């Protein structure tokens, strides 16, 4: 009887694991970056994706921009995303497993345009 209870507990745990959705990656570093009057370019990297198919990055900015972009590069274990905005970065996340980080941030001078 004791073995049946353990077997049921293990089977239930395994089924819950199979039915659980993949955990999304939220931005682990950085928010609040802005270029003032210029245009900012944010380079996000989602590491440790374990060969996942190309995902989507969602980034939200104070200027009302809510970007959803596909990766510019997918190496199998890492996906790279670029987003442009004139606002301040509020948040970013992907629908991928792993760790999402802001790899690089640069500003373009709006007076040069």
PDB file of N, CA and C in Angstrom:
ATOM      1  N   UNK A   1       0.819  -1.189   0.000  1.00  0.00           N
ATOM      2  CA  UNK A   1       0.000   0.000   0.000  1.00  0.00           C
ATOM      3  C   UNK A   1       0.868   1.260   0.000  1.00  0.00           C
ATOM      4  N   UNK A   2       1.956   1.227   0.777  1.00  0.00           N
ATOM      5  CA  UNK A   2       2.848   2.374   0.865  1.00  0.00           C
ATOM      6  C   UNK A   2       3.481   2.670  -0.500  1.00  0.00           C
ATOM      7  N   UNK A   3       3.841   1.633  -1.240  1.00  0.00           N
ATOM      8  CA  UNK A   3       4.451   1.808  -2.553  1.00  0.00           C
ATOM      9  C   UNK A   3       3.471   2.416  -3.552  1.00  0.00           C
ATOM     10  N   UNK A   4       2.186   2.082  -3.456  1.00  0.00           N
ATOM     11  CA  UNK A   4       1.174   2.645  -4.351  1.00  0.00           C
ATOM     12  C   UNK A   4       1.032   4.142  -4.117  1.00  0.00           C
ATOM     13  N   UNK A   5       1.057   4.579  -2.850  1.00  0.00           N
ATOM     14  CA  UNK A   5       0.937   6.007  -2.537  1.00  0.00           C
ATOM     15  C   UNK A   5       2.125   6.780  -3.097  1.00  0.00           C
ATOM     16  N   UNK A   6       3.310   6.225  -2.965  1.00  0.00           N
ATOM     17  CA  UNK A   6       4.501   6.887  -3.489  1.00  0.00           C
ATOM     18  C   UNK A   6       4.433   6.952  -5.008  1.00  0.00           C
ATOM     19  N   UNK A   7       4.015   5.884  -5.646  1.00  0.00           N
ATOM     20  CA  UNK A   7       3.891   5.844  -7.096  1.00  0.00           C
ATOM     21  C   UNK A   7       2.877   6.873  -7.586  1.00  0.00           C
ATOM     22  N   UNK A   8       1.750   6.993  -6.903  1.00  0.00           N
ATOM     23  CA  UNK A   8       0.731   7.982  -7.268  1.00  0.00           C
ATOM     24  C   UNK A   8       1.288   9.388  -7.100  1.00  0.00           C
ATOM     25  N   UNK A   9       2.014   9.638  -6.028  1.00  0.00           N
ATOM     26  CA  UNK A   9       2.596  10.960  -5.791  1.00  0.00           C
ATOM     27  C   UNK A   9       3.608  11.314  -6.876  1.00  0.00           C
ATOM     28  N   UNK A  10       4.447  10.383  -7.258  1.00  0.00           N
ATOM     29  CA  UNK A  10       5.440  10.614  -8.308  1.00  0.00           C
ATOM     30  C   UNK A  10       4.750  10.847  -9.650  1.00  0.00           C
ATOM     31  N   UNK A  11       3.753  10.051  -9.977  1.00  0.00           N
ATOM     32  CA  UNK A  11       3.025  10.199 -11.240  1.00  0.00           C
ATOM     33  C   UNK A  11       2.308  11.542 -11.300  1.00  0.00           C
ATOM     34  N   UNK A  12       1.702  11.962 -10.200  1.00  0.00           N
ATOM     35  CA  UNK A  12       1.002  13.248 -10.154  1.00  0.00           C
ATOM     36  C   UNK A  12       1.985  14.393 -10.349  1.00  0.00           C
ATOM     37  N   UNK A  13       3.119  14.325  -9.681  1.00  0.00           N
ATOM     38  CA  UNK A  13       4.140  15.359  -9.827  1.00  0.00           C
ATOM     39  C   UNK A  13       4.635  15.425 -11.266  1.00  0.00           C
ATOM     40  N   UNK A  14       4.845  14.305 -11.903  1.00  0.00           N
ATOM     41  CA  UNK A  14       5.306  14.268 -13.290  1.00  0.00           C
ATOM     42  C   UNK A  14       4.270  14.876 -14.223  1.00  0.00           C
ATOM     43  N   UNK A  15       2.991  14.591 -14.007  1.00  0.00           N
ATOM     44  CA  UNK A  15       1.932  15.141 -14.863  1.00  0.00           C
ATOM     45  C   UNK A  15       1.831  16.644 -14.683  1.00  0.00           C
ATOM     46  N   UNK A  16       1.979  17.141 -13.475  1.00  0.00           N
ATOM     47  CA  UNK A  16       1.931  18.582 -13.243  1.00  0.00           C
ATOM     48  C   UNK A  16       3.089  19.246 -13.971  1.00  0.00           C
ATOM     49  N   UNK A  17       4.263  18.632 -13.918  1.00  0.00           N
ATOM     50  CA  UNK A  17       5.421  19.173 -14.618  1.00  0.00           C
ATOM     51  C   UNK A  17       5.215  19.238 -16.116  1.00  0.00           C
ATOM     52  N   UNK A  18       4.550  18.250 -16.688  1.00  0.00           N
ATOM     53  CA  UNK A  18       4.285  18.247 -18.124  1.00  0.00           C
ATOM     54  C   UNK A  18       3.233  19.265 -18.512  1.00  0.00           C
ATOM     55  N   UNK A  19       2.301  19.544 -17.641  1.00  0.00           N
ATOM     56  CA  UNK A  19       1.216  20.457 -17.959  1.00  0.00           C
ATOM     57  C   UNK A  19       1.575  21.910 -17.684  1.00  0.00           C
ATOM     58  N   UNK A  20       2.668  22.168 -16.961  1.00  0.00           N
ATOM     59  CA  UNK A  20       3.046  23.532 -16.618  1.00  0.00           C
ATOM     60  C   UNK A  20       3.600  24.242 -17.839  1.00  0.00           C
ATOM     61  N   UNK A  21       3.210  25.501 -18.050  1.00  0.00           N
ATOM     62  CA  UNK A  21       3.755  26.253 -19.169  1.00  0.00           C
ATOM     63  C   UNK A  21       5.215  26.610 -18.910  1.00  0.00           C
ATOM     64  N   UNK A  22       5.955  26.894 -19.981  1.00  0.00           N
ATOM     65  CA  UNK A  22       7.345  27.306 -19.835  1.00  0.00           C
ATOM     66  C   UNK A  22       7.413  28.635 -19.095  1.00  0.00           C
ATOM     67  N   UNK A  23       8.437  28.779 -18.313  1.00  0.00           N
ATOM     68  CA  UNK A  23       8.611  30.003 -17.545  1.00  0.00           C
ATOM     69  C   UNK A  23       9.181  31.071 -18.460  1.00  0.00           C
ATOM     70  N   UNK A  24       8.587  32.249 -18.464  1.00  0.00           N
ATOM     71  CA  UNK A  24       9.059  33.360 -19.275  1.00  0.00           C
ATOM     72  C   UNK A  24      10.216  34.053 -18.571  1.00  0.00           C
ATOM     73  N   UNK A  25      11.087  34.682 -19.353  1.00  0.00           N
ATOM     74  CA  UNK A  25      12.227  35.406 -18.798  1.00  0.00           C
ATOM     75  C   UNK A  25      11.883  36.884 -18.680  1.00  0.00           C
ATOM     76  N   UNK A  26      12.004  37.426 -17.463  1.00  0.00           N
ATOM     77  CA  UNK A  26      11.835  38.853 -17.219  1.00  0.00           C
ATOM     78  C   UNK A  26      13.211  39.495 -17.146  1.00  0.00           C
ATOM     79  N   UNK A  27      13.293  40.763 -17.496  1.00  0.00           N
ATOM     80  CA  UNK A  27      14.565  41.477 -17.507  1.00  0.00           C
ATOM     81  C   UNK A  27      15.218  41.422 -16.132  1.00  0.00           C
ATOM     82  N   UNK A  28      16.452  40.910 -16.085  1.00  0.00           N
ATOM     83  CA  UNK A  28      17.169  40.726 -14.824  1.00  0.00           C
ATOM     84  C   UNK A  28      17.959  41.972 -14.422  1.00  0.00           C
ATOM     85  N   UNK A  29      18.277  42.832 -15.358  1.00  0.00           N
ATOM     86  CA  UNK A  29      19.031  44.046 -15.052  1.00  0.00           C
ATOM     87  C   UNK A  29      18.488  45.182 -15.898  1.00  0.00           C
ATOM     88  N   UNK A  30      18.647  46.363 -15.437  1.00  0.00           N
ATOM     89  CA  UNK A  30      18.324  47.533 -16.239  1.00  0.00           C
ATOM     90  C   UNK A  30      16.859  47.851 -16.385  1.00  0.00           C
ATOM     91  N   UNK A  31      16.537  49.060 -16.114  1.00  0.00           N
ATOM     92  CA  UNK A  31      15.298  49.733 -16.481  1.00  0.00           C
ATOM     93  C   UNK A  31      15.522  51.183 -16.123  1.00  0.00           C
ATOM     94  N   UNK A  32      14.794  52.063 -16.733  1.00  0.00           N
ATOM     95  CA  UNK A  32      14.989  53.483 -16.489  1.00  0.00           C
ATOM     96  C   UNK A  32      15.952  54.152 -17.449  1.00  0.00           C
ATOM     97  N   UNK A  33      16.569  53.402 -18.371  1.00  0.00           N
ATOM     98  CA  UNK A  33      17.473  54.008 -19.337  1.00  0.00           C
ATOM     99  C   UNK A  33      16.670  54.883 -20.293  1.00  0.00           C
ATOM    100  N   UNK A  34      17.234  56.046 -20.624  1.00  0.00           N
ATOM    101  CA  UNK A  34      16.583  56.960 -21.556  1.00  0.00           C
ATOM    102  C   UNK A  34      17.638  57.782 -22.280  1.00  0.00           C
ATOM    103  N   UNK A  35      17.279  58.344 -23.417  1.00  0.00           N
ATOM    104  CA  UNK A  35      18.178  59.206 -24.186  1.00  0.00           C
ATOM    105  C   UNK A  35      17.694  60.647 -24.187  1.00  0.00           C
ATOM    106  N   UNK A  36      16.802  60.992 -23.287  1.00  0.00           N
ATOM    107  CA  UNK A  36      16.282  62.352 -23.279  1.00  0.00           C
ATOM    108  C   UNK A  36      15.506  62.620 -24.554  1.00  0.00           C
ATOM    109  N   UNK A  37      16.019  63.558 -25.374  1.00  0.00           N
ATOM    110  CA  UNK A  37      15.349  63.899 -26.634  1.00  0.00           C
ATOM    111  C   UNK A  37      15.778  63.003 -27.792  1.00  0.00           C
ATOM    112  N   UNK A  38      16.754  62.140 -27.578  1.00  0.00           N
ATOM    113  CA  UNK A  38      17.268  61.283 -28.640  1.00  0.00           C
ATOM    114  C   UNK A  38      16.540  59.955 -28.724  1.00  0.00           C
ATOM    115  N   UNK A  39      16.994  59.151 -29.661  1.00  0.00           N
ATOM    116  CA  UNK A  39      16.448  57.810 -29.864  1.00  0.00           C
ATOM    117  C   UNK A  39      17.398  56.804 -29.230  1.00  0.00           C
ATOM    118  N   UNK A  40      16.859  55.933 -28.404  1.00  0.00           N
ATOM    119  CA  UNK A  40      17.665  54.897 -27.766  1.00  0.00           C
ATOM    120  C   UNK A  40      17.553  53.576 -28.503  1.00  0.00           C
ATOM    121  N   UNK A  41      18.646  52.827 -28.496  1.00  0.00           N
ATOM    122  CA  UNK A  41      18.662  51.482 -29.061  1.00  0.00           C
ATOM    123  C   UNK A  41      19.057  50.531 -27.932  1.00  0.00           C
ATOM    124  N   UNK A  42      18.154  49.625 -27.600  1.00  0.00           N
ATOM    125  CA  UNK A  42      18.359  48.650 -26.530  1.00  0.00           C
ATOM    126  C   UNK A  42      18.684  47.299 -27.157  1.00  0.00           C
ATOM    127  N   UNK A  43      19.761  46.661 -26.678  1.00  0.00           N
ATOM    128  CA  UNK A  43      20.154  45.331 -27.147  1.00  0.00           C
ATOM    129  C   UNK A  43      19.938  44.370 -25.985  1.00  0.00           C
ATOM    130  N   UNK A  44      18.938  43.523 -26.111  1.00  0.00           N
ATOM    131  CA  UNK A  44      18.606  42.532 -25.091  1.00  0.00           C
ATOM    132  C   UNK A  44      19.135  41.170 -25.524  1.00  0.00           C
ATOM    133  N   UNK A  45      19.594  40.377 -24.549  1.00  0.00           N
ATOM    134  CA  UNK A  45      20.064  39.020 -24.815  1.00  0.00           C
ATOM    135  C   UNK A  45      19.359  38.071 -23.858  1.00  0.00           C
ATOM    136  N   UNK A  46      18.741  37.041 -24.412  1.00  0.00           N
ATOM    137  CA  UNK A  46      18.116  35.987 -23.602  1.00  0.00           C
ATOM    138  C   UNK A  46      19.052  34.781 -23.654  1.00  0.00           C
ATOM    139  N   UNK A  47      19.743  34.521 -22.539  1.00  0.00           N
ATOM    140  CA  UNK A  47      20.693  33.410 -22.423  1.00  0.00           C
ATOM    141  C   UNK A  47      19.992  32.158 -21.928  1.00  0.00           C
ATOM    142  N   UNK A  48      20.654  31.038 -22.093  1.00  0.00           N
ATOM    143  CA  UNK A  48      20.227  29.754 -21.530  1.00  0.00           C
ATOM    144  C   UNK A  48      18.843  29.325 -22.026  1.00  0.00           C
ATOM    145  N   UNK A  49      18.612  29.489 -23.340  1.00  0.00           N
ATOM    146  CA  UNK A  49      17.312  29.129 -23.914  1.00  0.00           C
ATOM    147  C   UNK A  49      17.223  27.649 -24.281  1.00  0.00           C
ATOM    148  N   UNK A  50      18.319  26.928 -24.175  1.00  0.00           N
ATOM    149  CA  UNK A  50      18.343  25.471 -24.389  1.00  0.00           C
ATOM    150  C   UNK A  50      17.784  25.053 -25.749  1.00  0.00           C
ATOM    151  N   UNK A  51      18.136  25.807 -26.795  1.00  0.00           N
ATOM    152  CA  UNK A  51      17.726  25.438 -28.140  1.00  0.00           C
ATOM    153  C   UNK A  51      16.285  25.758 -28.488  1.00  0.00           C
ATOM    154  N   UNK A  52      15.654  26.640 -27.726  1.00  0.00           N
ATOM    155  CA  UNK A  52      14.253  26.997 -27.988  1.00  0.00           C
ATOM    156  C   UNK A  52      14.113  27.655 -29.360  1.00  0.00           C
ATOM    157  N   UNK A  53      12.960  27.468 -29.976  1.00  0.00           N
ATOM    158  CA  UNK A  53      12.649  28.158 -31.229  1.00  0.00           C
ATOM    159  C   UNK A  53      12.632  29.660 -30.963  1.00  0.00           C
ATOM    160  N   UNK A  54      12.759  30.451 -32.019  1.00  0.00           N
ATOM    161  CA  UNK A  54      12.775  31.903 -31.858  1.00  0.00           C
ATOM    162  C   UNK A  54      11.551  32.377 -31.092  1.00  0.00           C
ATOM    163  N   UNK A  55      11.805  33.220 -30.108  1.00  0.00           N
ATOM    164  CA  UNK A  55      10.733  33.733 -29.262  1.00  0.00           C
ATOM    165  C   UNK A  55      10.394  35.172 -29.595  1.00  0.00           C
ATOM    166  N   UNK A  56       9.664  35.811 -28.707  1.00  0.00           N
ATOM    167  CA  UNK A  56       9.305  37.218 -28.843  1.00  0.00           C
ATOM    168  C   UNK A  56       9.729  37.968 -27.593  1.00  0.00           C
ATOM    169  N   UNK A  57      10.269  39.172 -27.799  1.00  0.00           N
ATOM    170  CA  UNK A  57      10.584  40.076 -26.703  1.00  0.00           C
ATOM    171  C   UNK A  57       9.500  41.137 -26.654  1.00  0.00           C
ATOM    172  N   UNK A  58       9.006  41.430 -25.472  1.00  0.00           N
ATOM    173  CA  UNK A  58       8.060  42.521 -25.269  1.00  0.00           C
ATOM    174  C   UNK A  58       8.746  43.556 -24.400  1.00  0.00           C
ATOM    175  N   UNK A  59       8.852  44.790 -24.897  1.00  0.00           N
ATOM    176  CA  UNK A  59       9.471  45.882 -24.148  1.00  0.00           C
ATOM    177  C   UNK A  59       8.480  47.033 -24.050  1.00  0.00           C
ATOM    178  N   UNK A  60       8.410  47.644 -22.872  1.00  0.00           N
ATOM    179  CA  UNK A  60       7.486  48.747 -22.626  1.00  0.00           C
ATOM    180  C   UNK A  60       8.282  49.992 -22.256  1.00  0.00           C
ATOM    181  N   UNK A  61       7.876  51.138 -22.837  1.00  0.00           N
ATOM    182  CA  UNK A  61       8.566  52.408 -22.625  1.00  0.00           C
ATOM    183  C   UNK A  61       7.567  53.481 -22.192  1.00  0.00           C
ATOM    184  N   UNK A  62       8.087  54.553 -21.566  1.00  0.00           N
ATOM    185  CA  UNK A  62       7.215  55.618 -21.065  1.00  0.00           C
ATOM    186  C   UNK A  62       6.583  56.444 -22.177  1.00  0.00           C
ATOM    187  N   UNK A  63       7.112  56.378 -23.409  1.00  0.00           N
ATOM    188  CA  UNK A  63       6.515  57.141 -24.509  1.00  0.00           C
ATOM    189  C   UNK A  63       5.313  56.427 -25.119  1.00  0.00           C
ATOM    190  N   UNK A  64       4.897  55.333 -24.483  1.00  0.00           N
ATOM    191  CA  UNK A  64       3.736  54.596 -24.965  1.00  0.00           C
ATOM    192  C   UNK A  64       4.078  53.463 -25.902  1.00  0.00           C
ATOM    193  N   UNK A  65       5.345  53.342 -26.283  1.00  0.00           N
ATOM    194  CA  UNK A  65       5.762  52.261 -27.167  1.00  0.00           C
ATOM    195  C   UNK A  65       5.730  50.948 -26.396  1.00  0.00           C
ATOM    196  N   UNK A  66       5.081  49.977 -26.995  1.00  0.00           N
ATOM    197  CA  UNK A  66       4.988  48.623 -26.440  1.00  0.00           C
ATOM    198  C   UNK A  66       5.417  47.701 -27.577  1.00  0.00           C
ATOM    199  N   UNK A  67       6.722  47.432 -27.646  1.00  0.00           N
ATOM    200  CA  UNK A  67       7.284  46.681 -28.770  1.00  0.00           C
ATOM    201  C   UNK A  67       7.240  45.186 -28.544  1.00  0.00           C
ATOM    202  N   UNK A  68       6.895  44.460 -29.596  1.00  0.00           N
ATOM    203  CA  UNK A  68       7.020  43.004 -29.622  1.00  0.00           C
ATOM    204  C   UNK A  68       7.883  42.690 -30.834  1.00  0.00           C
ATOM    205  N   UNK A  69       9.086  42.162 -30.585  1.00  0.00           N
ATOM    206  CA  UNK A  69      10.019  41.906 -31.678  1.00  0.00           C
ATOM    207  C   UNK A  69      10.548  40.478 -31.635  1.00  0.00           C
ATOM    208  N   UNK A  70      10.838  39.960 -32.816  1.00  0.00           N
ATOM    209  CA  UNK A  70      11.480  38.654 -32.962  1.00  0.00           C
ATOM    210  C   UNK A  70      12.989  38.855 -32.825  1.00  0.00           C
ATOM    211  N   UNK A  71      13.719  37.802 -32.557  1.00  0.00           N
ATOM    212  CA  UNK A  71      15.168  37.961 -32.399  1.00  0.00           C
ATOM    213  C   UNK A  71      15.854  38.296 -33.722  1.00  0.00           C
ATOM    214  N   UNK A  72      16.920  39.093 -33.622  1.00  0.00           N
ATOM    215  CA  UNK A  72      17.742  39.368 -34.798  1.00  0.00           C
ATOM    216  C   UNK A  72      18.744  38.243 -35.012  1.00  0.00           C
ATOM    217  N   UNK A  73      18.990  37.460 -33.941  1.00  0.00           N
ATOM    218  CA  UNK A  73      19.927  36.339 -34.017  1.00  0.00           C
ATOM    219  C   UNK A  73      19.513  35.286 -33.000  1.00  0.00           C
ATOM    220  N   UNK A  74      19.539  34.014 -33.422  1.00  0.00           N
ATOM    221  CA  UNK A  74      19.245  32.887 -32.538  1.00  0.00           C
ATOM    222  C   UNK A  74      20.370  31.873 -32.712  1.00  0.00           C
ATOM    223  N   UNK A  75      21.220  31.736 -31.681  1.00  0.00           N
ATOM    224  CA  UNK A  75      22.361  30.816 -31.762  1.00  0.00           C
ATOM    225  C   UNK A  75      22.017  29.421 -31.260  1.00  0.00           C
ATOM    226  N   UNK A  76      20.805  29.249 -30.763  1.00  0.00           N
ATOM    227  CA  UNK A  76      20.402  27.970 -30.181  1.00  0.00           C
ATOM    228  C   UNK A  76      20.347  28.046 -28.670  1.00  0.00           C
ATOM    229  N   UNK A  77      21.367  28.665 -28.069  1.00  0.00           N
ATOM    230  CA  UNK A  77      21.361  28.824 -26.610  1.00  0.00           C
ATOM    231  C   UNK A  77      21.158  30.271 -26.194  1.00  0.00           C
ATOM    232  N   UNK A  78      21.221  31.185 -27.160  1.00  0.00           N
ATOM    233  CA  UNK A  78      21.098  32.618 -26.890  1.00  0.00           C
ATOM    234  C   UNK A  78      20.304  33.275 -28.015  1.00  0.00           C
ATOM    235  N   UNK A  79      19.425  34.222 -27.646  1.00  0.00           N
ATOM    236  CA  UNK A  79      18.686  34.995 -28.644  1.00  0.00           C
ATOM    237  C   UNK A  79      18.905  36.483 -28.382  1.00  0.00           C
ATOM    238  N   UNK A  80      19.147  37.249 -29.475  1.00  0.00           N
ATOM    239  CA  UNK A  80      19.436  38.679 -29.391  1.00  0.00           C
ATOM    240  C   UNK A  80      18.262  39.473 -29.964  1.00  0.00           C
ATOM    241  N   UNK A  81      17.908  40.558 -29.283  1.00  0.00           N
ATOM    242  CA  UNK A  81      16.796  41.413 -29.699  1.00  0.00           C
ATOM    243  C   UNK A  81      17.240  42.874 -29.658  1.00  0.00           C
ATOM    244  N   UNK A  82      16.805  43.682 -30.650  1.00  0.00           N
ATOM    245  CA  UNK A  82      17.077  45.118 -30.672  1.00  0.00           C
ATOM    246  C   UNK A  82      15.756  45.869 -30.725  1.00  0.00           C
ATOM    247  N   UNK A  83      15.661  46.934 -29.909  1.00  0.00           N
ATOM    248  CA  UNK A  83      14.453  47.757 -29.871  1.00  0.00           C
ATOM    249  C   UNK A  83      14.872  49.221 -29.863  1.00  0.00           C
ATOM    250  N   UNK A  84      14.170  50.072 -30.634  1.00  0.00           N
ATOM    251  CA  UNK A  84      14.396  51.517 -30.637  1.00  0.00           C
ATOM    252  C   UNK A  84      13.199  52.214 -30.021  1.00  0.00           C
ATOM    253  N   UNK A  85      13.486  53.302 -29.268  1.00  0.00           N
ATOM    254  CA  UNK A  85      12.408  54.093 -28.678  1.00  0.00           C
ATOM    255  C   UNK A  85      12.964  55.435 -28.225  1.00  0.00           C
ATOM    256  N   UNK A  86      12.085  56.421 -28.096  1.00  0.00           N
ATOM    257  CA  UNK A  86      12.472  57.714 -27.539  1.00  0.00           C
ATOM    258  C   UNK A  86      12.116  57.807 -26.058  1.00  0.00           C
ATOM    259  N   UNK A  87      11.446  56.821 -25.532  1.00  0.00           N
ATOM    260  CA  UNK A  87      11.029  56.842 -24.129  1.00  0.00           C
ATOM    261  C   UNK A  87      12.030  56.183 -23.205  1.00  0.00           C
ATOM    262  N   UNK A  88      11.660  56.131 -21.931  1.00  0.00           N
ATOM    263  CA  UNK A  88      12.461  55.466 -20.911  1.00  0.00           C
ATOM    264  C   UNK A  88      11.991  54.018 -20.785  1.00  0.00           C
ATOM    265  N   UNK A  89      12.935  53.095 -20.686  1.00  0.00           N
ATOM    266  CA  UNK A  89      12.604  51.678 -20.549  1.00  0.00           C
ATOM    267  C   UNK A  89      11.917  51.426 -19.213  1.00  0.00           C
ATOM    268  N   UNK A  90      10.743  50.794 -19.275  1.00  0.00           N
ATOM    269  CA  UNK A  90       9.984  50.449 -18.071  1.00  0.00           C
ATOM    270  C   UNK A  90      10.167  48.973 -17.738  1.00  0.00           C
ATOM    271  N   UNK A  91      10.015  48.107 -18.743  1.00  0.00           N
ATOM    272  CA  UNK A  91      10.132  46.666 -18.500  1.00  0.00           C
ATOM    273  C   UNK A  91      10.386  45.939 -19.811  1.00  0.00           C
ATOM    274  N   UNK A  92      10.853  44.701 -19.677  1.00  0.00           N
ATOM    275  CA  UNK A  92      11.047  43.837 -20.843  1.00  0.00           C
ATOM    276  C   UNK A  92      10.952  42.387 -20.398  1.00  0.00           C
ATOM    277  N   UNK A  93      10.429  41.545 -21.293  1.00  0.00           N
ATOM    278  CA  UNK A  93      10.326  40.115 -21.006  1.00  0.00           C
ATOM    279  C   UNK A  93      10.249  39.359 -22.326  1.00  0.00           C
ATOM    280  N   UNK A  94      10.509  38.054 -22.259  1.00  0.00           N
ATOM    281  CA  UNK A  94      10.347  37.194 -23.425  1.00  0.00           C
ATOM    282  C   UNK A  94       9.447  36.028 -23.050  1.00  0.00           C
ATOM    283  N   UNK A  95       9.050  35.290 -24.056  1.00  0.00           N
ATOM    284  CA  UNK A  95       8.277  34.069 -23.828  1.00  0.00           C
ATOM    285  C   UNK A  95       9.196  32.847 -23.852  1.00  0.00           C
ATOM    286  N   UNK A  96      10.452  33.054 -23.492  1.00  0.00           N
ATOM    287  CA  UNK A  96      11.482  32.016 -23.532  1.00  0.00           C
ATOM    288  C   UNK A  96      11.943  31.634 -22.131  1.00  0.00           C
ATOM    289  N   UNK A  97      12.521  30.447 -21.998  1.00  0.00           N
ATOM    290  CA  UNK A  97      13.173  30.107 -20.731  1.00  0.00           C
ATOM    291  C   UNK A  97      14.517  30.838 -20.656  1.00  0.00           C
ATOM    292  N   UNK A  98      15.168  30.773 -19.532  1.00  0.00           N
ATOM    293  CA  UNK A  98      16.509  31.326 -19.395  1.00  0.00           C
ATOM    294  C   UNK A  98      16.529  32.660 -18.692  1.00  0.00           C
ATOM    295  N   UNK A  99      17.556  33.450 -19.011  1.00  0.00           N
ATOM    296  CA  UNK A  99      17.806  34.722 -18.329  1.00  0.00           C
ATOM    297  C   UNK A  99      17.873  35.837 -19.364  1.00  0.00           C
ATOM    298  N   UNK A 100      17.044  36.854 -19.196  1.00  0.00           N
ATOM    299  CA  UNK A 100      17.017  38.010 -20.090  1.00  0.00           C
ATOM    300  C   UNK A 100      17.807  39.150 -19.457  1.00  0.00           C
ATOM    301  N   UNK A 101      18.773  39.701 -20.215  1.00  0.00           N
ATOM    302  CA  UNK A 101      19.574  40.820 -19.724  1.00  0.00           C
ATOM    303  C   UNK A 101      19.644  41.917 -20.779  1.00  0.00           C
ATOM    304  N   UNK A 102      19.841  43.144 -20.306  1.00  0.00           N
ATOM    305  CA  UNK A 102      20.110  44.265 -21.197  1.00  0.00           C
ATOM    306  C   UNK A 102      21.612  44.249 -21.451  1.00  0.00           C
ATOM    307  N   UNK A 103      22.007  43.903 -22.668  1.00  0.00           N
ATOM    308  CA  UNK A 103      23.419  43.747 -23.003  1.00  0.00           C
ATOM    309  C   UNK A 103      24.069  45.075 -23.334  1.00  0.00           C
ATOM    310  N   UNK A 104      23.335  45.947 -24.030  1.00  0.00           N
ATOM    311  CA  UNK A 104      23.909  47.200 -24.495  1.00  0.00           C
ATOM    312  C   UNK A 104      22.801  48.221 -24.662  1.00  0.00           C
ATOM    313  N   UNK A 105      23.160  49.488 -24.498  1.00  0.00           N
ATOM    314  CA  UNK A 105      22.208  50.580 -24.662  1.00  0.00           C
ATOM    315  C   UNK A 105      22.969  51.753 -25.254  1.00  0.00           C
ATOM    316  N   UNK A 106      22.453  52.335 -26.335  1.00  0.00           N
ATOM    317  CA  UNK A 106      23.126  53.481 -26.945  1.00  0.00           C
ATOM    318  C   UNK A 106      22.101  54.519 -27.371  1.00  0.00           C
ATOM    319  N   UNK A 107      22.579  55.750 -27.516  1.00  0.00           N
ATOM    320  CA  UNK A 107      21.709  56.864 -27.912  1.00  0.00           C
ATOM    321  C   UNK A 107      22.171  57.439 -29.239  1.00  0.00           C
ATOM    322  N   UNK A 108      21.197  57.823 -30.049  1.00  0.00           N
ATOM    323  CA  UNK A 108      21.469  58.545 -31.283  1.00  0.00           C
ATOM    324  C   UNK A 108      21.095  59.992 -31.035  1.00  0.00           C
ATOM    325  N   UNK A 109      21.936  60.914 -31.463  1.00  0.00           N
ATOM    326  CA  UNK A 109      21.684  62.337 -31.266  1.00  0.00           C
ATOM    327  C   UNK A 109      20.574  62.783 -32.209  1.00  0.00           C
ATOM    328  N   UNK A 110      19.477  63.278 -31.652  1.00  0.00           N
ATOM    329  CA  UNK A 110      18.336  63.697 -32.482  1.00  0.00           C
ATOM    330  C   UNK A 110      18.659  64.942 -33.299  1.00  0.00           C
ATOM    331  N   UNK A 111      19.679  65.730 -32.919  1.00  0.00           N
ATOM    332  CA  UNK A 111      20.048  66.944 -33.654  1.00  0.00           C
ATOM    333  C   UNK A 111      20.758  66.617 -34.962  1.00  0.00           C
ATOM    334  N   UNK A 112      21.333  65.408 -35.071  1.00  0.00           N
ATOM    335  CA  UNK A 112      22.030  65.003 -36.292  1.00  0.00           C
ATOM    336  C   UNK A 112      21.076  64.567 -37.381  1.00  0.00           C
ATOM    337  N   UNK A 113      19.817  64.341 -37.059  1.00  0.00           N
ATOM    338  CA  UNK A 113      18.848  63.842 -38.044  1.00  0.00           C
ATOM    339  C   UNK A 113      18.172  64.961 -38.770  1.00  0.00           C
TER     340      UNK A 113
END
